[in-house]
Structures are given as C-alpha cells and as structure tokens.
Amino acid sequence: MGFWRRKKQPQLTREQVLHSRPLRNSLLEWTDTADGKVMITIPRREDWVGKMVALLFHVPKTRQLVLDDEVGSSVWRICDGEHTIKDIVEFLCKTYKLTRKEAEVSATEFLRQLGRRRLIGFAVQKSD
C-alpha cells in the first residue's frame, strides 16, 4: 500500500513562492505571432513511452500551443529565470491596472497551470 503513495512535496511559504523564479522549459521553442500572441512548439516525447504511443496512435512530432491572450503572452515572455513571481505580479499591476491581489491570484494560477503542463519550472532559493 505504501509503495503507491506519492512522495509528498515540501510545502513552500508564500514568501518562498513569490521569490521563486519561473523558467521556460529549454526543450520548447516559441515565437511571437503577428497579432502579438505567443506560439509554443512542444516536441513529442522521445523516450520509450513516447515512441510506443507514437507507434500505436498517430502522434505528430510536434504540437503547437497558442497563448491566446495578451496577459498570458506577456507573462510567458518574462518567465526567463531572471524575474521572480513578485516581479511578474508588479508588472501586471502596472501594465494592466490590476490590484495586487488580482494580479497575484491570476499570475500564480496561470504559472501553476504552465508548471503542471511542464512548460515552465521554478527555481526556488533554498532557505537556511
């Protein structure tokens, strides 16, 4: 029974989350479209699972994902490992005239979705 349990991830404090640095997955390519959106090219998995699924089903070598709103595309562009989530929240507040709470909730939820899809990772500074 204990074998199937997932290892519990360490819980981060709010401050640790806000000071983490989102970083785009280096395996992905992305471009800006003519209308200012971001188009991400996602390659097919090349491990044995990816190859097996490709044999059983028609799976293209790449697929494309378009971030269809201006805010999401803006956030994607600054997920460079240099800016913290706190910087992104401040950027959203200034650029889109959002309250701090609105910007923090929307940014963290969007980044969480990108993280779940393995489009970005997070560099978290170790605490002492």
Protein backbone atom coordinates (compact mmCIF):
# COMPACT_ATOMS: atom_id res chain seq x y z
CA MET A 1 0.00 0.00 0.00
CA GLY A 2 2.77 2.47 0.87
CA PHE A 3 4.51 1.78 -2.44
CA TRP A 4 1.87 3.61 -4.46
CA ARG A 5 1.81 6.74 -2.36
CA ARG A 6 3.37 9.76 -3.93
CA LYS A 7 6.22 11.35 -2.13
CA LYS A 8 4.84 14.46 -0.52
CA GLN A 9 6.33 17.62 -1.96
CA PRO A 10 7.78 20.06 0.56
CA GLN A 11 5.39 22.90 1.25
CA LEU A 12 6.66 26.37 0.41
CA THR A 13 5.79 29.51 2.27
CA ARG A 14 4.08 32.38 0.46
CA GLU A 15 7.34 34.36 0.53
CA GLN A 16 9.30 31.46 -0.97
CA VAL A 17 6.74 31.17 -3.77
CA LEU A 18 6.81 34.90 -4.52
CA HIS A 19 10.63 34.85 -4.63
CA SER A 20 10.83 31.78 -6.89
CA ARG A 21 11.89 32.35 -10.48
CA PRO A 22 9.80 30.78 -13.26
CA LEU A 23 11.91 29.47 -16.13
CA ARG A 24 10.68 28.28 -19.55
CA ASN A 25 11.36 24.63 -20.46
CA SER A 26 14.51 24.64 -22.59
CA LEU A 27 13.14 21.85 -24.84
CA LEU A 28 10.41 24.15 -26.10
CA GLU A 29 10.63 26.64 -28.93
CA TRP A 30 8.40 29.68 -29.03
CA THR A 31 7.72 32.63 -31.28
CA ASP A 32 5.59 35.74 -31.32
CA THR A 33 2.75 35.66 -33.82
CA ALA A 34 1.82 38.64 -35.99
CA ASP A 35 -1.01 39.58 -33.62
CA GLY A 36 1.20 39.67 -30.51
CA LYS A 37 0.38 36.22 -29.12
CA VAL A 38 2.92 33.58 -28.18
CA MET A 39 3.02 30.26 -30.05
CA ILE A 40 4.83 27.43 -28.22
CA THR A 41 6.08 24.37 -30.13
CA ILE A 42 6.02 21.24 -27.96
CA PRO A 43 8.06 18.23 -29.19
CA ARG A 44 6.81 14.66 -28.83
CA ARG A 45 8.40 12.62 -26.06
CA GLU A 46 11.36 10.63 -27.37
CA ASP A 47 11.61 8.10 -24.53
CA TRP A 48 10.24 4.56 -24.89
CA VAL A 49 6.76 5.65 -23.74
CA GLY A 50 6.60 8.38 -26.38
CA LYS A 51 7.81 6.03 -29.09
CA MET A 52 5.31 3.34 -28.09
CA VAL A 53 2.40 5.79 -28.10
CA ALA A 54 3.57 7.13 -31.48
CA LEU A 55 3.51 3.56 -32.87
CA LEU A 56 0.02 2.84 -31.56
CA PHE A 57 -1.54 6.21 -32.41
CA HIS A 58 -0.75 8.88 -34.92
CA VAL A 59 1.16 11.36 -32.78
CA PRO A 60 2.83 14.25 -34.60
CA LYS A 61 6.47 15.06 -33.90
CA THR A 62 5.43 18.47 -32.55
CA ARG A 63 2.28 20.22 -31.50
CA GLN A 64 1.62 23.89 -31.10
CA LEU A 65 0.01 25.81 -28.29
CA VAL A 66 -1.02 29.44 -28.71
CA LEU A 67 -1.37 31.60 -25.62
CA ASP A 68 -4.41 33.47 -26.82
CA ASP A 69 -4.48 36.45 -24.52
CA GLU A 70 -2.16 39.39 -24.14
CA VAL A 71 -1.63 38.91 -20.41
CA GLY A 72 -0.60 35.25 -20.71
CA SER A 73 1.77 36.04 -23.54
CA SER A 74 3.31 38.89 -21.53
CA VAL A 75 3.84 36.63 -18.53
CA TRP A 76 5.38 33.90 -20.74
CA ARG A 77 7.91 36.38 -22.15
CA ILE A 78 9.21 37.29 -18.68
CA CYS A 79 9.49 33.68 -17.44
CA ASP A 80 13.22 33.82 -18.10
CA GLY A 81 14.64 32.75 -14.75
CA GLU A 82 15.70 36.33 -14.04
CA HIS A 83 12.37 37.66 -12.78
CA THR A 84 10.62 36.44 -9.65
CA ILE A 85 6.89 35.85 -9.34
CA LYS A 86 6.82 39.02 -7.26
CA ASP A 87 8.32 40.92 -10.24
CA ILE A 88 5.66 39.43 -12.52
CA VAL A 89 2.89 40.49 -10.12
CA GLU A 90 4.27 44.04 -10.03
CA PHE A 91 4.48 44.06 -13.83
CA LEU A 92 0.83 43.01 -14.11
CA CYS A 93 -0.24 45.67 -11.60
CA LYS A 94 1.50 48.44 -13.52
CA THR A 95 0.72 47.31 -17.06
CA TYR A 96 -2.88 46.15 -16.71
CA LYS A 97 -4.03 48.34 -13.80
CA LEU A 98 -4.85 45.38 -11.56
CA THR A 99 -4.92 45.38 -7.79
CA ARG A 100 -2.10 43.49 -6.13
CA LYS A 101 -4.49 40.72 -5.06
CA GLU A 102 -5.96 40.32 -8.58
CA ALA A 103 -2.51 40.23 -10.16
CA GLU A 104 -1.14 37.76 -7.61
CA VAL A 105 -4.07 35.36 -7.93
CA SER A 106 -4.13 35.40 -11.73
CA ALA A 107 -0.33 35.16 -12.10
CA THR A 108 0.09 32.31 -9.63
CA GLU A 109 -2.79 30.32 -11.14
CA PHE A 110 -1.50 30.81 -14.69
CA LEU A 111 2.05 29.84 -13.67
CA ARG A 112 0.69 26.81 -11.79
CA GLN A 113 -1.07 25.65 -14.98
CA LEU A 114 2.09 26.13 -17.03
CA GLY A 115 4.05 24.21 -14.39
CA ARG A 116 1.57 21.31 -14.40
CA ARG A 117 1.95 21.04 -18.16
CA ARG A 118 5.74 21.13 -17.73
CA LEU A 119 6.07 24.22 -19.88
CA ILE A 120 7.93 26.02 -17.09
CA GLY A 121 9.84 25.10 -13.97
CA PHE A 122 10.53 27.08 -10.83
CA ALA A 123 13.88 27.92 -9.30
CA VAL A 124 13.33 28.20 -5.56
CA GLN A 125 16.03 29.63 -3.35
CA LYS A 126 17.00 27.31 -0.52
CA SER A 127 16.13 28.53 2.92
CA ASP A 128 18.72 28.44 5.66
